[in-house]
Protein backbone atom coordinates (compact mmCIF):
# COMPACT_ATOMS: atom_id res chain seq x y z
CA UNK A 1 139.08 79.20 46.83
CA UNK A 2 136.49 76.81 45.55
CA UNK A 3 132.73 77.42 44.86
CA UNK A 4 131.84 74.91 47.60
CA UNK A 5 133.71 77.23 49.99
CA UNK A 6 131.63 80.15 48.94
CA UNK A 7 128.32 78.28 49.13
CA UNK A 8 129.11 76.49 52.38
CA UNK A 9 128.30 73.12 50.75
CA UNK A 10 130.79 71.07 52.66
CA UNK A 11 130.65 70.93 56.49
CA UNK A 12 134.33 71.72 57.00
CA UNK A 13 134.43 74.61 54.44
CA UNK A 14 136.37 77.62 55.57
CA UNK A 15 134.29 80.68 54.66
CA UNK A 16 136.21 83.20 52.75
CA UNK A 17 137.30 86.28 54.47
CA UNK A 18 134.95 89.12 53.68
CA UNK A 19 138.05 91.05 52.94
CA UNK A 20 138.79 88.88 49.89
CA UNK A 21 138.34 91.25 46.91
CA UNK A 22 138.30 90.09 43.39
CA UNK A 23 138.35 91.98 40.11
CA UNK A 24 135.28 92.27 37.93
CA UNK A 25 136.89 89.76 35.56
CA UNK A 26 137.36 87.20 38.37
CA UNK A 27 133.89 87.74 39.67
CA UNK A 28 132.53 87.34 36.16
CA UNK A 29 134.22 83.97 35.94
CA UNK A 30 132.71 82.87 39.23
CA UNK A 31 129.16 83.70 38.31
CA UNK A 32 129.24 83.44 34.52
CA UNK A 33 128.87 86.97 33.50
CA UNK A 34 130.93 89.32 31.35
CA UNK A 35 133.13 91.98 32.85
CA UNK A 36 130.80 94.66 31.35
CA UNK A 37 127.72 93.07 32.93
CA UNK A 38 129.47 92.86 36.34
CA UNK A 39 130.28 96.53 36.17
CA UNK A 40 126.74 97.38 35.10
CA UNK A 41 125.26 95.53 38.03
CA UNK A 42 127.77 97.33 40.33
CA UNK A 43 126.71 100.72 38.94
CA UNK A 44 123.08 99.72 39.42
CA UNK A 45 123.79 98.94 43.04
CA UNK A 46 123.08 95.21 42.75
CA UNK A 47 126.66 94.12 43.39
CA UNK A 48 128.68 95.63 46.22
CA UNK A 49 132.12 96.97 45.32
CA UNK A 50 134.89 98.62 47.15
CA UNK A 51 137.28 101.26 46.00
CA UNK A 52 140.88 100.11 46.23
CA UNK A 53 144.12 101.36 44.74
CA UNK A 54 144.06 100.81 41.06
CA UNK A 55 140.28 100.55 40.68
CA UNK A 56 137.45 98.65 42.38
CA UNK A 57 137.25 95.27 43.99
CA UNK A 58 134.29 93.08 44.74
CA UNK A 59 133.94 91.23 48.05
CA UNK A 60 133.53 87.75 46.62
CA UNK A 61 131.11 86.25 49.08
CA UNK A 62 128.82 89.34 49.33
CA UNK A 63 128.83 89.86 45.53
CA UNK A 64 127.83 86.26 44.87
CA UNK A 65 125.08 86.40 47.45
CA UNK A 66 123.79 89.73 46.08
CA UNK A 67 123.74 88.32 42.56
CA UNK A 68 121.87 85.18 43.73
CA UNK A 69 119.36 87.37 45.59
CA UNK A 70 118.86 89.54 42.47
CA UNK A 71 118.21 86.35 40.36
CA UNK A 72 115.70 85.05 42.96
CA UNK A 73 113.85 88.38 43.07
CA UNK A 74 113.63 88.56 39.25
CA UNK A 75 112.29 84.97 39.05
CA UNK A 76 109.71 85.67 41.71
CA UNK A 77 108.50 88.80 39.84
CA UNK A 78 108.14 86.70 36.63
CA UNK A 79 106.14 84.05 38.40
CA UNK A 80 104.26 86.15 40.90
CA UNK A 81 101.26 86.78 38.63
CA UNK A 82 100.69 83.94 36.11
CA UNK A 83 97.55 85.70 34.85
CA UNK A 84 99.55 88.80 33.92
CA UNK A 85 102.24 86.60 32.27
CA UNK A 86 99.50 84.93 30.17
CA UNK A 87 98.10 88.30 29.30
CA UNK A 88 101.50 89.51 28.17
CA UNK A 89 101.96 86.41 26.00
CA UNK A 90 98.57 86.92 24.37
CA UNK A 91 99.34 90.52 23.78
CA UNK A 92 102.77 89.74 22.22
CA UNK A 93 101.06 87.15 19.95
CA UNK A 94 98.39 89.62 18.91
CA UNK A 95 100.95 92.27 18.15
CA UNK A 96 102.96 89.77 16.09
CA UNK A 97 99.92 88.75 14.20
CA UNK A 98 99.02 92.41 13.48
CA UNK A 99 102.45 93.14 12.14
CA UNK A 100 102.35 89.95 10.05
CA UNK A 101 99.03 91.02 8.48
CA UNK A 102 100.36 94.52 7.84
CA UNK A 103 103.46 93.09 6.12
CA UNK A 104 101.36 90.67 3.99
CA UNK A 105 99.11 93.62 2.95
CA UNK A 106 102.10 95.69 2.03
CA UNK A 107 103.47 92.89 -0.08
CA UNK A 108 100.07 92.63 -1.86
CA UNK A 109 99.26 89.17 -0.54
CA UNK A 110 96.02 90.36 1.16
CA UNK A 111 93.02 92.05 -0.39
CA UNK A 112 90.31 94.11 1.23
CA UNK A 113 87.27 91.86 1.62
CA UNK A 114 84.76 94.68 0.86
CA UNK A 115 86.65 95.59 -2.36
CA UNK A 116 86.68 91.98 -3.46
CA UNK A 117 82.97 91.62 -2.73
CA UNK A 118 82.12 94.80 -4.70
CA UNK A 119 84.13 93.55 -7.66
CA UNK A 120 82.51 90.15 -7.75
CA UNK A 121 79.02 91.72 -7.51
CA UNK A 122 79.86 93.90 -10.42
CA UNK A 123 81.14 90.85 -12.41
CA UNK A 124 78.02 88.89 -11.53
CA UNK A 125 75.72 91.77 -12.56
CA UNK A 126 77.56 92.16 -15.94
CA UNK A 127 77.38 88.41 -16.53
CA UNK A 128 73.70 88.23 -15.79
CA UNK A 129 73.00 91.19 -18.21
CA UNK A 130 75.03 89.55 -20.99
CA UNK A 131 73.37 86.15 -20.52
CA UNK A 132 69.94 87.63 -20.72
CA UNK A 133 70.83 89.68 -23.82
CA UNK A 134 72.11 86.51 -25.56
CA UNK A 135 68.71 85.09 -26.35
CA UNK A 136 67.58 87.89 -28.72
CA UNK A 137 71.02 87.98 -30.39
CA UNK A 138 70.99 84.23 -30.98
CA UNK A 139 67.42 84.28 -32.28
CA UNK A 140 68.35 87.12 -34.75
CA UNK A 141 71.58 85.45 -35.81
CA UNK A 142 70.10 82.02 -36.32
CA UNK A 143 66.66 83.02 -37.65
CA UNK A 144 64.67 81.44 -34.79
CA UNK A 145 60.94 81.99 -34.85
CA UNK A 146 59.27 83.93 -32.02
CA UNK A 147 58.32 80.83 -29.96
CA UNK A 148 61.79 79.38 -30.05
CA UNK A 149 63.33 82.74 -29.16
CA UNK A 150 60.97 83.11 -26.22
CA UNK A 151 61.70 79.53 -25.04
CA UNK A 152 65.45 80.25 -25.11
CA UNK A 153 64.90 83.53 -23.19
CA UNK A 154 62.80 81.68 -20.53
CA UNK A 155 65.48 79.02 -20.11
CA UNK A 156 68.30 81.47 -19.65
CA UNK A 157 66.23 83.52 -17.15
CA UNK A 158 65.29 80.36 -15.29
CA UNK A 159 69.04 79.35 -15.10
CA UNK A 160 70.04 82.77 -13.83
CA UNK A 161 67.23 82.76 -11.32
CA UNK A 162 68.11 79.17 -10.09
CA UNK A 163 71.73 80.24 -9.63
CA UNK A 164 70.69 83.24 -7.58
CA UNK A 165 68.31 81.11 -5.54
CA UNK A 166 70.93 78.43 -4.91
CA UNK A 167 73.42 81.06 -3.68
CA UNK A 168 70.80 82.60 -1.31
CA UNK A 169 70.13 79.21 0.32
CA UNK A 170 73.82 78.65 1.19
């Protein structure tokens, strides 16, 4: 028996007798499925099967039609609501991104933004304090007179202030 006979492709095809029973292995060869999948579909009521001596048989024509109908129904369910399909794709992408971020954080590749900000603010405050304390130390170490020490202090304070002002304008 040929596939064309089953599908009535040729005009003179003799339809198979509905009594033609095949094994799950033979049916699997016809429709490209494993024996286990054929038996699973039969248990689920998708494929018709008939008890016969020595096991079960599958009416070839009815089983092929039932499988084709099941495939058509599954395809129509997938394409019935494209908006829902798009939503599922977005959800899957978001879930994948969430897991990727969690994994990166667990590997130590990501840092908490608030913790980084706090640390940098602390470093900047320490740097500012040390810069402003430098003028009196330099004046004492080099023996600068009062006017020169005050000029150095003003310049350091102006530089720190300019940096802060530049950052606030960004």
